[in-house]
Structure formats: structure tokens, C-alpha cells
PDB file of all heavy atoms in Angstrom:
ATOM      1  N   GLU A   1      45.239 -39.478  60.320  1.00  0.00           N
ATOM      2  CA  GLU A   1      44.662 -38.858  59.127  1.00  0.00           C
ATOM      3  C   GLU A   1      43.184 -38.506  59.330  1.00  0.00           C
ATOM      4  O   GLU A   1      42.726 -37.458  58.869  1.00  0.00           O
ATOM      5  CB  GLU A   1      44.826 -39.784  57.918  1.00  0.00           C
ATOM      6  CG  GLU A   1      46.257 -39.887  57.445  1.00  0.00           C
ATOM      7  CD  GLU A   1      46.474 -40.985  56.415  1.00  0.00           C
ATOM      8  OE1 GLU A   1      45.483 -41.438  55.797  1.00  0.00           O
ATOM      9  OE2 GLU A   1      47.632 -41.393  56.238  1.00  0.00           O
ATOM     10  N   ILE A   2      42.438 -39.354  60.006  1.00  0.00           N
ATOM     11  CA  ILE A   2      41.030 -39.066  60.283  1.00  0.00           C
ATOM     12  C   ILE A   2      40.910 -37.855  61.191  1.00  0.00           C
ATOM     13  O   ILE A   2      40.090 -36.955  60.955  1.00  0.00           O
ATOM     14  CB  ILE A   2      40.317 -40.299  60.878  1.00  0.00           C
ATOM     15  CG1 ILE A   2      40.188 -41.403  59.826  1.00  0.00           C
ATOM     16  CG2 ILE A   2      38.932 -39.923  61.434  1.00  0.00           C
ATOM     17  CD1 ILE A   2      39.748 -42.754  60.363  1.00  0.00           C
ATOM     18  N   LEU A   3      41.738 -37.798  62.226  1.00  0.00           N
ATOM     19  CA  LEU A   3      41.700 -36.645  63.133  1.00  0.00           C
ATOM     20  C   LEU A   3      42.061 -35.359  62.395  1.00  0.00           C
ATOM     21  O   LEU A   3      41.406 -34.327  62.584  1.00  0.00           O
ATOM     22  CB  LEU A   3      42.639 -36.873  64.326  1.00  0.00           C
ATOM     23  CG  LEU A   3      42.223 -37.961  65.307  1.00  0.00           C
ATOM     24  CD1 LEU A   3      43.327 -38.193  66.341  1.00  0.00           C
ATOM     25  CD2 LEU A   3      40.902 -37.631  65.991  1.00  0.00           C
ATOM     26  N   LEU A   4      43.082 -35.402  61.562  1.00  0.00           N
ATOM     27  CA  LEU A   4      43.475 -34.220  60.794  1.00  0.00           C
ATOM     28  C   LEU A   4      42.357 -33.786  59.835  1.00  0.00           C
ATOM     29  O   LEU A   4      42.082 -32.594  59.692  1.00  0.00           O
ATOM     30  CB  LEU A   4      44.766 -34.485  60.020  1.00  0.00           C
ATOM     31  CG  LEU A   4      46.047 -34.554  60.855  1.00  0.00           C
ATOM     32  CD1 LEU A   4      47.202 -35.126  60.038  1.00  0.00           C
ATOM     33  CD2 LEU A   4      46.400 -33.193  61.428  1.00  0.00           C
ATOM     34  N   ALA A   5      41.715 -34.752  59.194  1.00  0.00           N
ATOM     35  CA  ALA A   5      40.625 -34.431  58.268  1.00  0.00           C
ATOM     36  C   ALA A   5      39.441 -33.801  59.004  1.00  0.00           C
ATOM     37  O   ALA A   5      38.828 -32.848  58.517  1.00  0.00           O
ATOM     38  CB  ALA A   5      40.184 -35.690  57.517  1.00  0.00           C
ATOM     39  N   LEU A   6      39.123 -34.331  60.176  1.00  0.00           N
ATOM     40  CA  LEU A   6      38.029 -33.756  60.960  1.00  0.00           C
ATOM     41  C   LEU A   6      38.350 -32.326  61.380  1.00  0.00           C
ATOM     42  O   LEU A   6      37.482 -31.455  61.355  1.00  0.00           O
ATOM     43  CB  LEU A   6      37.750 -34.601  62.207  1.00  0.00           C
ATOM     44  CG  LEU A   6      36.881 -35.817  62.006  1.00  0.00           C
ATOM     45  CD1 LEU A   6      36.855 -36.654  63.283  1.00  0.00           C
ATOM     46  CD2 LEU A   6      35.478 -35.423  61.591  1.00  0.00           C
ATOM     47  N   GLU A   7      39.582 -32.085  61.752  1.00  0.00           N
ATOM     48  CA  GLU A   7      39.976 -30.752  62.171  1.00  0.00           C
ATOM     49  C   GLU A   7      39.857 -29.759  61.014  1.00  0.00           C
ATOM     50  O   GLU A   7      39.477 -28.606  61.215  1.00  0.00           O
ATOM     51  CB  GLU A   7      41.408 -30.772  62.693  1.00  0.00           C
ATOM     52  CG  GLU A   7      41.879 -29.417  63.171  1.00  0.00           C
ATOM     53  CD  GLU A   7      43.297 -29.447  63.673  1.00  0.00           C
ATOM     54  OE1 GLU A   7      44.206 -29.783  62.885  1.00  0.00           O
ATOM     55  OE2 GLU A   7      43.483 -29.150  64.865  1.00  0.00           O
ATOM     56  N   GLN A   8      40.156 -30.202  59.818  1.00  0.00           N
ATOM     57  CA  GLN A   8      40.152 -29.322  58.660  1.00  0.00           C
ATOM     58  C   GLN A   8      38.749 -29.054  58.110  1.00  0.00           C
ATOM     59  O   GLN A   8      38.547 -28.072  57.414  1.00  0.00           O
ATOM     60  CB  GLN A   8      41.027 -29.899  57.553  1.00  0.00           C
ATOM     61  CG  GLN A   8      42.488 -29.862  57.906  1.00  0.00           C
ATOM     62  CD  GLN A   8      43.350 -30.563  56.862  1.00  0.00           C
ATOM     63  OE1 GLN A   8      42.856 -31.102  55.886  1.00  0.00           O
ATOM     64  NE2 GLN A   8      44.655 -30.571  57.100  1.00  0.00           N
ATOM     65  N   GLN A   9      37.809 -29.930  58.425  1.00  0.00           N
ATOM     66  CA  GLN A   9      36.468 -29.728  57.863  1.00  0.00           C
ATOM     67  C   GLN A   9      35.812 -28.510  58.500  1.00  0.00           C
ATOM     68  O   GLN A   9      36.112 -28.147  59.622  1.00  0.00           O
ATOM     69  CB  GLN A   9      35.623 -30.982  58.033  1.00  0.00           C
ATOM     70  CG  GLN A   9      34.694 -31.010  59.191  1.00  0.00           C
ATOM     71  CD  GLN A   9      33.790 -32.228  59.181  1.00  0.00           C
ATOM     72  OE1 GLN A   9      33.739 -32.980  58.243  1.00  0.00           O
ATOM     73  NE2 GLN A   9      33.091 -32.397  60.253  1.00  0.00           N
ATOM     74  N   ASN A  10      34.951 -27.909  57.771  1.00  0.00           N
ATOM     75  CA  ASN A  10      34.211 -26.740  58.237  1.00  0.00           C
ATOM     76  C   ASN A  10      33.414 -27.113  59.493  1.00  0.00           C
ATOM     77  O   ASN A  10      32.684 -28.094  59.496  1.00  0.00           O
ATOM     78  CB  ASN A  10      33.274 -26.266  57.125  1.00  0.00           C
ATOM     79  CG  ASN A  10      32.488 -25.050  57.495  1.00  0.00           C
ATOM     80  OD1 ASN A  10      32.352 -24.694  58.659  1.00  0.00           O
ATOM     81  ND2 ASN A  10      31.953 -24.395  56.485  1.00  0.00           N
ATOM     82  N   GLU A  11      33.559 -26.332  60.554  1.00  0.00           N
ATOM     83  CA  GLU A  11      32.870 -26.634  61.814  1.00  0.00           C
ATOM     84  C   GLU A  11      31.357 -26.681  61.656  1.00  0.00           C
ATOM     85  O   GLU A  11      30.674 -27.325  62.435  1.00  0.00           O
ATOM     86  CB  GLU A  11      33.248 -25.606  62.876  1.00  0.00           C
ATOM     87  CG  GLU A  11      34.673 -25.748  63.356  1.00  0.00           C
ATOM     88  CD  GLU A  11      35.014 -24.743  64.433  1.00  0.00           C
ATOM     89  OE1 GLU A  11      34.104 -24.088  64.968  1.00  0.00           O
ATOM     90  OE2 GLU A  11      36.196 -24.629  64.744  1.00  0.00           O
ATOM     91  N   ASN A  12      30.813 -25.989  60.671  1.00  0.00           N
ATOM     92  CA  ASN A  12      29.377 -25.983  60.461  1.00  0.00           C
ATOM     93  C   ASN A  12      28.900 -27.108  59.549  1.00  0.00           C
ATOM     94  O   ASN A  12      27.718 -27.229  59.281  1.00  0.00           O
ATOM     95  CB  ASN A  12      28.939 -24.629  59.874  1.00  0.00           C
ATOM     96  CG  ASN A  12      29.241 -23.496  60.818  1.00  0.00           C
ATOM     97  OD1 ASN A  12      29.114 -23.644  62.028  1.00  0.00           O
ATOM     98  ND2 ASN A  12      29.654 -22.363  60.280  1.00  0.00           N
ATOM     99  N   SER A  13      29.826 -27.928  59.082  1.00  0.00           N
ATOM    100  CA  SER A  13      29.478 -29.018  58.176  1.00  0.00           C
ATOM    101  C   SER A  13      28.906 -30.182  58.962  1.00  0.00           C
ATOM    102  O   SER A  13      29.462 -30.600  59.974  1.00  0.00           O
ATOM    103  CB  SER A  13      30.722 -29.479  57.414  1.00  0.00           C
ATOM    104  OG  SER A  13      30.424 -30.626  56.660  1.00  0.00           O
ATOM    105  N   SER A  14      27.804 -30.700  58.506  1.00  0.00           N
ATOM    106  CA  SER A  14      27.235 -31.890  59.130  1.00  0.00           C
ATOM    107  C   SER A  14      27.542 -33.128  58.282  1.00  0.00           C
ATOM    108  O   SER A  14      27.077 -34.205  58.584  1.00  0.00           O
ATOM    109  CB  SER A  14      25.719 -31.727  59.285  1.00  0.00           C
ATOM    110  OG  SER A  14      25.125 -31.551  58.011  1.00  0.00           O
ATOM    111  N   ARG A  15      28.324 -32.925  57.223  1.00  0.00           N
ATOM    112  CA  ARG A  15      28.645 -34.001  56.291  1.00  0.00           C
ATOM    113  C   ARG A  15      29.530 -35.062  56.924  1.00  0.00           C
ATOM    114  O   ARG A  15      29.351 -36.245  56.720  1.00  0.00           O
ATOM    115  CB  ARG A  15      29.302 -33.399  55.062  1.00  0.00           C
ATOM    116  CG  ARG A  15      29.254 -34.295  53.867  1.00  0.00           C
ATOM    117  CD  ARG A  15      29.845 -33.627  52.657  1.00  0.00           C
ATOM    118  NE  ARG A  15      31.268 -33.456  52.887  1.00  0.00           N
ATOM    119  CZ  ARG A  15      31.982 -32.448  52.423  1.00  0.00           C
ATOM    120  NH1 ARG A  15      31.427 -31.512  51.716  1.00  0.00           N
ATOM    121  NH2 ARG A  15      33.269 -32.371  52.668  1.00  0.00           N
ATOM    122  N   GLY A  16      30.521 -34.651  57.669  1.00  0.00           N
ATOM    123  CA  GLY A  16      31.425 -35.594  58.305  1.00  0.00           C
ATOM    124  C   GLY A  16      32.465 -36.154  57.356  1.00  0.00           C
ATOM    125  O   GLY A  16      32.566 -35.758  56.193  1.00  0.00           O
ATOM    126  N   ILE A  17      33.245 -37.101  57.862  1.00  0.00           N
ATOM    127  CA  ILE A  17      34.334 -37.730  57.116  1.00  0.00           C
ATOM    128  C   ILE A  17      34.035 -39.226  57.020  1.00  0.00           C
ATOM    129  O   ILE A  17      33.820 -39.892  58.031  1.00  0.00           O
ATOM    130  CB  ILE A  17      35.685 -37.537  57.854  1.00  0.00           C
ATOM    131  CG1 ILE A  17      35.999 -36.070  58.092  1.00  0.00           C
ATOM    132  CG2 ILE A  17      36.815 -38.258  57.122  1.00  0.00           C
ATOM    133  CD1 ILE A  17      36.231 -35.247  56.862  1.00  0.00           C
ATOM    134  N   SER A  18      34.034 -39.744  55.807  1.00  0.00           N
ATOM    135  CA  SER A  18      33.860 -41.189  55.620  1.00  0.00           C
ATOM    136  C   SER A  18      34.884 -41.747  54.637  1.00  0.00           C
ATOM    137  O   SER A  18      34.943 -42.950  54.427  1.00  0.00           O
ATOM    138  CB  SER A  18      32.444 -41.503  55.126  1.00  0.00           C
ATOM    139  OG  SER A  18      32.199 -40.854  53.894  1.00  0.00           O
ATOM    140  N   HIS A  19      35.673 -40.869  54.043  1.00  0.00           N
ATOM    141  CA  HIS A  19      36.658 -41.282  53.043  1.00  0.00           C
ATOM    142  C   HIS A  19      37.949 -40.507  53.279  1.00  0.00           C
ATOM    143  O   HIS A  19      37.922 -39.312  53.548  1.00  0.00           O
ATOM    144  CB  HIS A  19      36.112 -40.979  51.635  1.00  0.00           C
ATOM    145  CG  HIS A  19      37.094 -41.258  50.547  1.00  0.00           C
ATOM    146  ND1 HIS A  19      37.352 -42.532  50.101  1.00  0.00           N
ATOM    147  CD2 HIS A  19      37.880 -40.436  49.824  1.00  0.00           C
ATOM    148  CE1 HIS A  19      38.276 -42.470  49.136  1.00  0.00           C
ATOM    149  NE2 HIS A  19      38.608 -41.209  48.952  1.00  0.00           N
ATOM    150  N   ILE A  20      39.056 -41.200  53.179  1.00  0.00           N
ATOM    151  CA  ILE A  20      40.382 -40.593  53.229  1.00  0.00           C
ATOM    152  C   ILE A  20      41.084 -40.977  51.930  1.00  0.00           C
ATOM    153  O   ILE A  20      41.185 -42.164  51.597  1.00  0.00           O
ATOM    154  CB  ILE A  20      41.200 -41.104  54.447  1.00  0.00           C
ATOM    155  CG1 ILE A  20      40.503 -40.786  55.771  1.00  0.00           C
ATOM    156  CG2 ILE A  20      42.617 -40.547  54.419  1.00  0.00           C
ATOM    157  CD1 ILE A  20      40.433 -39.324  56.136  1.00  0.00           C
ATOM    158  N   GLU A  21      41.535 -39.971  51.213  1.00  0.00           N
ATOM    159  CA  GLU A  21      42.193 -40.201  49.925  1.00  0.00           C
ATOM    160  C   GLU A  21      43.338 -41.199  50.082  1.00  0.00           C
ATOM    161  O   GLU A  21      44.170 -41.077  50.986  1.00  0.00           O
ATOM    162  CB  GLU A  21      42.728 -38.874  49.376  1.00  0.00           C
ATOM    163  CG  GLU A  21      43.199 -38.946  47.945  1.00  0.00           C
ATOM    164  CD  GLU A  21      42.072 -39.210  46.970  1.00  0.00           C
ATOM    165  OE1 GLU A  21      40.959 -38.691  47.173  1.00  0.00           O
ATOM    166  OE2 GLU A  21      42.322 -39.950  46.001  1.00  0.00           O
ATOM    167  N   GLY A  22      43.352 -42.210  49.212  1.00  0.00           N
ATOM    168  CA  GLY A  22      44.414 -43.210  49.226  1.00  0.00           C
ATOM    169  C   GLY A  22      44.202 -44.341  50.210  1.00  0.00           C
ATOM    170  O   GLY A  22      45.048 -45.227  50.323  1.00  0.00           O
ATOM    171  N   ARG A  23      43.082 -44.318  50.928  1.00  0.00           N
ATOM    172  CA  ARG A  23      42.782 -45.367  51.918  1.00  0.00           C
ATOM    173  C   ARG A  23      41.522 -46.123  51.511  1.00  0.00           C
ATOM    174  O   ARG A  23      40.582 -45.539  50.977  1.00  0.00           O
ATOM    175  CB  ARG A  23      42.566 -44.769  53.314  1.00  0.00           C
ATOM    176  CG  ARG A  23      43.751 -44.026  53.877  1.00  0.00           C
ATOM    177  CD  ARG A  23      44.847 -44.980  54.279  1.00  0.00           C
ATOM    178  NE  ARG A  23      45.957 -44.262  54.906  1.00  0.00           N
ATOM    179  CZ  ARG A  23      47.023 -44.861  55.360  1.00  0.00           C
ATOM    180  NH1 ARG A  23      47.166 -46.158  55.274  1.00  0.00           N
ATOM    181  NH2 ARG A  23      47.986 -44.148  55.901  1.00  0.00           N
ATOM    182  N   ASP A  24      41.495 -47.407  51.796  1.00  0.00           N
ATOM    183  CA  ASP A  24      40.326 -48.237  51.534  1.00  0.00           C
ATOM    184  C   ASP A  24      39.174 -47.805  52.450  1.00  0.00           C
ATOM    185  O   ASP A  24      39.376 -47.646  53.665  1.00  0.00           O
ATOM    186  CB  ASP A  24      40.697 -49.708  51.787  1.00  0.00           C
ATOM    187  CG  ASP A  24      39.531 -50.635  51.608  1.00  0.00           C
ATOM    188  OD1 ASP A  24      39.104 -50.830  50.456  1.00  0.00           O
ATOM    189  OD2 ASP A  24      39.029 -51.147  52.632  1.00  0.00           O
ATOM    190  N   ASP A  25      37.980 -47.610  51.884  1.00  0.00           N
ATOM    191  CA  ASP A  25      36.847 -47.121  52.670  1.00  0.00           C
ATOM    192  C   ASP A  25      36.462 -48.059  53.809  1.00  0.00           C
ATOM    193  O   ASP A  25      36.057 -47.602  54.874  1.00  0.00           O
ATOM    194  CB  ASP A  25      35.634 -46.855  51.774  1.00  0.00           C
ATOM    195  CG  ASP A  25      35.798 -45.605  50.926  1.00  0.00           C
ATOM    196  OD1 ASP A  25      36.682 -44.771  51.229  1.00  0.00           O
ATOM    197  OD2 ASP A  25      35.033 -45.451  49.949  1.00  0.00           O
ATOM    198  N   SER A  26      36.598 -49.370  53.613  1.00  0.00           N
ATOM    199  CA  SER A  26      36.259 -50.294  54.702  1.00  0.00           C
ATOM    200  C   SER A  26      37.263 -50.174  55.844  1.00  0.00           C
ATOM    201  O   SER A  26      36.900 -50.301  57.016  1.00  0.00           O
ATOM    202  CB  SER A  26      36.176 -51.738  54.203  1.00  0.00           C
ATOM    203  OG  SER A  26      37.433 -52.194  53.746  1.00  0.00           O
ATOM    204  N   ASN A  27      38.519 -49.889  55.523  1.00  0.00           N
ATOM    205  CA  ASN A  27      39.536 -49.680  56.551  1.00  0.00           C
ATOM    206  C   ASN A  27      39.263 -48.380  57.307  1.00  0.00           C
ATOM    207  O   ASN A  27      39.384 -48.322  58.534  1.00  0.00           O
ATOM    208  CB  ASN A  27      40.926 -49.663  55.912  1.00  0.00           C
ATOM    209  CG  ASN A  27      42.034 -49.726  56.926  1.00  0.00           C
ATOM    210  OD1 ASN A  27      41.865 -50.178  58.052  1.00  0.00           O
ATOM    211  ND2 ASN A  27      43.205 -49.263  56.521  1.00  0.00           N
ATOM    212  N   VAL A  28      38.867 -47.340  56.583  1.00  0.00           N
ATOM    213  CA  VAL A  28      38.522 -46.064  57.226  1.00  0.00           C
ATOM    214  C   VAL A  28      37.313 -46.266  58.137  1.00  0.00           C
ATOM    215  O   VAL A  28      37.294 -45.792  59.274  1.00  0.00           O
ATOM    216  CB  VAL A  28      38.261 -44.963  56.174  1.00  0.00           C
ATOM    217  CG1 VAL A  28      37.713 -43.697  56.825  1.00  0.00           C
ATOM    218  CG2 VAL A  28      39.544 -44.656  55.402  1.00  0.00           C
ATOM    219  N   ALA A  29      36.302 -46.994  57.662  1.00  0.00           N
ATOM    220  CA  ALA A  29      35.107 -47.258  58.475  1.00  0.00           C
ATOM    221  C   ALA A  29      35.473 -48.008  59.755  1.00  0.00           C
ATOM    222  O   ALA A  29      34.968 -47.688  60.840  1.00  0.00           O
ATOM    223  CB  ALA A  29      34.079 -48.052  57.669  1.00  0.00           C
ATOM    224  N   TYR A  30      36.350 -48.990  59.636  1.00  0.00           N
ATOM    225  CA  TYR A  30      36.803 -49.738  60.814  1.00  0.00           C
ATOM    226  C   TYR A  30      37.462 -48.801  61.825  1.00  0.00           C
ATOM    227  O   TYR A  30      37.168 -48.861  63.027  1.00  0.00           O
ATOM    228  CB  TYR A  30      37.784 -50.837  60.389  1.00  0.00           C
ATOM    229  CG  TYR A  30      38.455 -51.514  61.555  1.00  0.00           C
ATOM    230  CD1 TYR A  30      37.770 -52.471  62.298  1.00  0.00           C
ATOM    231  CD2 TYR A  30      39.747 -51.192  61.930  1.00  0.00           C
ATOM    232  CE1 TYR A  30      38.371 -53.096  63.383  1.00  0.00           C
ATOM    233  CE2 TYR A  30      40.360 -51.808  63.006  1.00  0.00           C
ATOM    234  CZ  TYR A  30      39.668 -52.759  63.730  1.00  0.00           C
ATOM    235  OH  TYR A  30      40.269 -53.370  64.811  1.00  0.00           O
ATOM    236  N   HIS A  31      38.325 -47.931  61.348  1.00  0.00           N
ATOM    237  CA  HIS A  31      39.024 -47.018  62.246  1.00  0.00           C
ATOM    238  C   HIS A  31      38.077 -45.987  62.858  1.00  0.00           C
ATOM    239  O   HIS A  31      38.226 -45.624  64.023  1.00  0.00           O
ATOM    240  CB  HIS A  31      40.206 -46.368  61.530  1.00  0.00           C
ATOM    241  CG  HIS A  31      41.369 -47.286  61.440  1.00  0.00           C
ATOM    242  ND1 HIS A  31      41.462 -48.260  60.464  1.00  0.00           N
ATOM    243  CD2 HIS A  31      42.464 -47.426  62.214  1.00  0.00           C
ATOM    244  CE1 HIS A  31      42.575 -48.948  60.652  1.00  0.00           C
ATOM    245  NE2 HIS A  31      43.206 -48.459  61.710  1.00  0.00           N
ATOM    246  N   ILE A  32      37.108 -45.528  62.101  1.00  0.00           N
ATOM    247  CA  ILE A  32      36.112 -44.622  62.669  1.00  0.00           C
ATOM    248  C   ILE A  32      35.378 -45.319  63.803  1.00  0.00           C
ATOM    249  O   ILE A  32      35.172 -44.743  64.873  1.00  0.00           O
ATOM    250  CB  ILE A  32      35.143 -44.112  61.580  1.00  0.00           C
ATOM    251  CG1 ILE A  32      35.878 -43.148  60.645  1.00  0.00           C
ATOM    252  CG2 ILE A  32      33.907 -43.454  62.203  1.00  0.00           C
ATOM    253  CD1 ILE A  32      35.087 -42.738  59.412  1.00  0.00           C
ATOM    254  N   ARG A  33      34.994 -46.579  63.595  1.00  0.00           N
ATOM    255  CA  ARG A  33      34.299 -47.338  64.647  1.00  0.00           C
ATOM    256  C   ARG A  33      35.141 -47.426  65.927  1.00  0.00           C
ATOM    257  O   ARG A  33      34.658 -47.130  67.007  1.00  0.00           O
ATOM    258  CB  ARG A  33      33.953 -48.741  64.176  1.00  0.00           C
ATOM    259  CG  ARG A  33      33.284 -49.589  65.276  1.00  0.00           C
ATOM    260  CD  ARG A  33      33.115 -51.039  64.871  1.00  0.00           C
ATOM    261  NE  ARG A  33      32.255 -51.176  63.717  1.00  0.00           N
ATOM    262  CZ  ARG A  33      30.990 -51.579  63.777  1.00  0.00           C
ATOM    263  NH1 ARG A  33      30.433 -51.892  64.914  1.00  0.00           N
ATOM    264  NH2 ARG A  33      30.284 -51.685  62.669  1.00  0.00           N
ATOM    265  N   ILE A  34      36.404 -47.812  65.785  1.00  0.00           N
ATOM    266  CA  ILE A  34      37.203 -47.980  67.003  1.00  0.00           C
ATOM    267  C   ILE A  34      37.558 -46.638  67.638  1.00  0.00           C
ATOM    268  O   ILE A  34      37.739 -46.555  68.854  1.00  0.00           O
ATOM    269  CB  ILE A  34      38.441 -48.886  66.785  1.00  0.00           C
ATOM    270  CG1 ILE A  34      39.447 -48.285  65.817  1.00  0.00           C
ATOM    271  CG2 ILE A  34      38.010 -50.279  66.354  1.00  0.00           C
ATOM    272  CD1 ILE A  34      40.753 -49.081  65.678  1.00  0.00           C
ATOM    273  N   MET A  35      37.632 -45.584  66.836  1.00  0.00           N
ATOM    274  CA  MET A  35      37.889 -44.257  67.396  1.00  0.00           C
ATOM    275  C   MET A  35      36.673 -43.742  68.167  1.00  0.00           C
ATOM    276  O   MET A  35      36.826 -43.058  69.182  1.00  0.00           O
ATOM    277  CB  MET A  35      38.292 -43.288  66.283  1.00  0.00           C
ATOM    278  CG  MET A  35      39.668 -43.598  65.702  1.00  0.00           C
ATOM    279  SD  MET A  35      40.032 -42.659  64.205  1.00  0.00           S
ATOM    280  CE  MET A  35      40.279 -41.021  64.912  1.00  0.00           C
ATOM    281  N   ILE A  36      35.477 -44.082  67.701  1.00  0.00           N
ATOM    282  CA  ILE A  36      34.261 -43.755  68.463  1.00  0.00           C
ATOM    283  C   ILE A  36      34.287 -44.510  69.782  1.00  0.00           C
ATOM    284  O   ILE A  36      34.042 -43.937  70.847  1.00  0.00           O
ATOM    285  CB  ILE A  36      32.994 -44.098  67.645  1.00  0.00           C
ATOM    286  CG1 ILE A  36      32.850 -43.166  66.446  1.00  0.00           C
ATOM    287  CG2 ILE A  36      31.748 -44.038  68.535  1.00  0.00           C
ATOM    288  CD1 ILE A  36      31.786 -43.610  65.433  1.00  0.00           C
ATOM    289  N   GLU A  37      34.609 -45.806  69.722  1.00  0.00           N
ATOM    290  CA  GLU A  37      34.673 -46.630  70.935  1.00  0.00           C
ATOM    291  C   GLU A  37      35.694 -46.093  71.933  1.00  0.00           C
ATOM    292  O   GLU A  37      35.490 -46.163  73.140  1.00  0.00           O
ATOM    293  CB  GLU A  37      35.010 -48.079  70.572  1.00  0.00           C
ATOM    294  CG  GLU A  37      33.924 -48.787  69.796  1.00  0.00           C
ATOM    295  CD  GLU A  37      34.360 -50.119  69.206  1.00  0.00           C
ATOM    296  OE1 GLU A  37      35.564 -50.462  69.254  1.00  0.00           O
ATOM    297  OE2 GLU A  37      33.484 -50.820  68.675  1.00  0.00           O
ATOM    298  N   ALA A  38      36.807 -45.533  71.417  1.00  0.00           N
ATOM    299  CA  ALA A  38      37.870 -45.004  72.279  1.00  0.00           C
ATOM    300  C   ALA A  38      37.556 -43.611  72.808  1.00  0.00           C
ATOM    301  O   ALA A  38      38.283 -43.089  73.654  1.00  0.00           O
ATOM    302  CB  ALA A  38      39.198 -44.981  71.529  1.00  0.00           C
ATOM    303  N   GLY A  39      36.493 -43.001  72.300  1.00  0.00           N
ATOM    304  CA  GLY A  39      36.117 -41.666  72.768  1.00  0.00           C
ATOM    305  C   GLY A  39      36.894 -40.539  72.101  1.00  0.00           C
ATOM    306  O   GLY A  39      36.867 -39.409  72.577  1.00  0.00           O
ATOM    307  N   LEU A  40      37.572 -40.820  70.979  1.00  0.00           N
ATOM    308  CA  LEU A  40      38.324 -39.785  70.273  1.00  0.00           C
ATOM    309  C   LEU A  40      37.422 -38.935  69.384  1.00  0.00           C
ATOM    310  O   LEU A  40      37.705 -37.760  69.159  1.00  0.00           O
ATOM    311  CB  LEU A  40      39.423 -40.406  69.416  1.00  0.00           C
ATOM    312  CG  LEU A  40      40.539 -41.130  70.162  1.00  0.00           C
ATOM    313  CD1 LEU A  40      41.461 -41.834  69.186  1.00  0.00           C
ATOM    314  CD2 LEU A  40      41.314 -40.151  71.031  1.00  0.00           C
TER     315      LEU A  40
END
């Protein structure tokens, strides 16, 4: 879901993704952290 959301965001947007509808923000933050660590 994070990858799909990033793909859909405007390429010129510097806002980024920190929230996924229907998901707990702390869980999304955790996944963003490990996805950065994995190089995704």
C-alpha cells in the first residue's frame, strides 16, 4: 500500500506519504522505516 501510494503521488510533490487510510499511523511509520532500511 505504501509503494502504491508513493507511485500515485504527484512526482513534483515534496509532501510524501505518512498516512494510509485505514491503517494505524505508528504502523505505517514502522513500515516506512524498514522500507528505507531495505532500500525500497
